[in-house]
Protein backbone atom coordinates (compact mmCIF):
# COMPACT_ATOMS: atom_id res chain seq x y z
CA MET A 1 39.87 158.57 72.82
CA GLU A 2 36.31 159.40 74.22
CA LEU A 3 33.22 159.62 72.39
CA TYR A 4 29.94 161.72 72.83
CA ALA A 5 26.55 160.26 72.89
CA LYS A 6 24.42 163.26 71.58
CA PRO A 7 22.32 164.79 74.71
CA ILE A 8 18.96 163.89 75.88
CA VAL A 9 17.19 166.63 76.91
CA THR A 10 13.95 166.58 78.72
CA THR A 11 11.58 169.15 80.04
CA GLU A 12 9.68 168.70 83.62
CA GLU A 13 6.16 170.27 83.97
CA ASP A 14 7.40 173.18 86.11
CA GLY A 15 10.00 174.00 83.17
CA THR A 16 12.75 172.80 84.77
CA ILE A 17 14.91 171.75 81.95
CA HIS A 18 17.84 168.13 82.28
CA ILE A 19 20.33 167.86 79.54
CA ASP A 20 21.79 164.51 80.72
CA VAL A 21 25.22 164.11 78.54
CA ARG A 22 26.77 160.77 78.02
CA THR A 23 30.29 159.96 78.01
CA ILE A 24 30.59 156.93 76.10
CA THR A 25 33.95 155.05 77.27
CA PRO A 26 35.06 151.34 76.93
CA ASP A 27 33.32 150.81 80.11
CA TYR A 28 29.91 152.30 79.77
CA ILE A 29 30.31 149.68 76.30
CA ASP A 30 31.13 146.86 78.46
CA THR A 31 28.69 147.61 80.39
CA ARG A 32 25.66 148.13 78.04
CA LEU A 33 26.58 144.55 76.19
CA ALA A 34 25.65 143.16 79.71
CA GLU A 35 23.14 144.81 80.03
CA LEU A 36 21.55 143.94 76.47
CA ALA A 37 22.84 140.24 77.40
CA VAL A 38 19.64 139.62 80.30
CA PHE A 39 17.23 139.44 76.62
CA LYS A 40 19.31 136.30 75.33
CA GLN A 41 19.51 135.04 79.25
CA ILE A 42 15.80 134.99 80.12
CA ASN A 43 15.33 133.60 76.18
CA TYR A 44 13.70 136.90 75.41
CA ASN A 45 10.78 136.12 77.21
CA LEU A 46 8.86 139.43 77.45
CA GLU A 47 5.52 137.91 78.94
CA GLU A 48 7.34 136.75 82.23
CA VAL A 49 8.68 140.45 82.95
CA VAL A 50 5.04 142.09 81.82
CA SER A 51 3.22 139.19 83.85
CA ALA A 52 5.61 140.03 86.95
CA VAL A 53 5.35 144.44 86.54
CA GLN A 54 1.37 143.96 85.79
CA ASN A 55 0.61 141.51 89.13
CA SER A 56 3.27 142.54 91.52
CA PRO A 57 2.23 144.75 94.16
CA SER A 58 5.74 146.45 94.53
CA THR A 59 8.55 147.34 92.65
CA GLU A 60 10.26 145.30 95.71
CA GLU A 61 8.09 141.99 95.05
CA THR A 62 8.49 142.33 91.10
CA LYS A 63 11.74 142.26 91.23
CA LYS A 64 12.28 139.28 93.19
CA HIS A 65 9.64 137.40 90.91
CA LEU A 66 12.12 138.34 88.21
CA LYS A 67 15.06 137.28 90.24
CA THR A 68 13.35 134.03 91.33
CA ASN A 69 11.35 133.23 87.99
CA LEU A 70 14.03 134.10 85.64
CA GLY A 71 17.24 133.25 87.24
CA ILE A 72 19.06 136.77 86.92
CA GLY A 73 20.79 139.31 89.76
CA SER A 74 19.59 142.16 90.83
CA ALA A 75 21.22 144.55 87.97
CA GLU A 76 20.21 142.29 85.91
CA ALA A 77 16.24 142.71 86.92
CA ASP A 78 16.80 146.44 88.02
CA PHE A 79 18.09 146.75 84.60
CA LEU A 80 14.63 145.24 82.87
CA LEU A 81 12.63 147.44 85.56
CA ASP A 82 13.88 150.76 84.55
CA LEU A 83 13.15 150.24 80.65
CA THR A 84 10.06 151.67 79.26
CA PHE A 85 7.52 149.78 78.00
CA GLU A 86 8.59 150.33 74.36
CA GLU A 87 12.13 149.87 75.11
CA MET A 88 11.29 146.01 76.42
CA ALA A 89 8.70 145.93 72.70
CA TYR A 90 11.71 146.78 71.10
CA TYR A 91 14.83 144.70 72.83
CA PHE A 92 12.62 141.60 73.77
CA GLN A 93 12.40 141.16 69.87
CA LYS A 94 15.58 138.60 69.04
CA GLU A 95 16.40 140.43 65.83
CA ASN A 96 16.50 144.12 67.44
CA CYS A 97 18.34 143.07 70.34
CA GLU A 98 21.10 141.28 68.42
CA THR A 99 21.27 144.50 65.70
CA GLU A 100 22.36 146.55 69.26
CA ILE A 101 24.69 144.12 69.98
CA GLN A 102 26.49 144.42 67.18
CA ARG A 103 26.65 148.15 67.33
CA TRP A 104 27.86 148.26 70.13
CA LYS A 105 30.42 145.55 69.50
CA GLY A 106 31.66 147.88 66.30
CA LEU A 107 31.78 150.26 68.89
CA GLU A 108 34.07 148.72 70.85
CA GLU A 109 36.29 147.26 68.25
CA LEU A 110 36.40 151.17 66.37
CA LEU A 111 37.56 152.66 70.20
CA SER A 112 39.88 149.40 70.61
CA ALA A 113 41.71 150.66 67.50
CA GLN A 114 42.64 154.33 68.47
């Protein structure tokens, strides 16, 4: 059984419309849980991430800083750098992140019961 998320529709300034439909599979859930685990791994240290973004001259320097100072890998650094500031503000609040992890685990259990 495959579940589908609500499509994300965005319109570019030139009028181009993008529709992003993602299938939610067990592999997708595992990936999402691994991504969310990075917040706990870095002890919800939003200040360090924001400081790295603001003080590094390039994305590569920011990534290098995050990997070195927070002890994370490239994939985790890329994930953090792909977040919007609104997403950062939400997920760096421990209770929000833990709630989101529980939601994904619940969905994982639902899919495995099928």
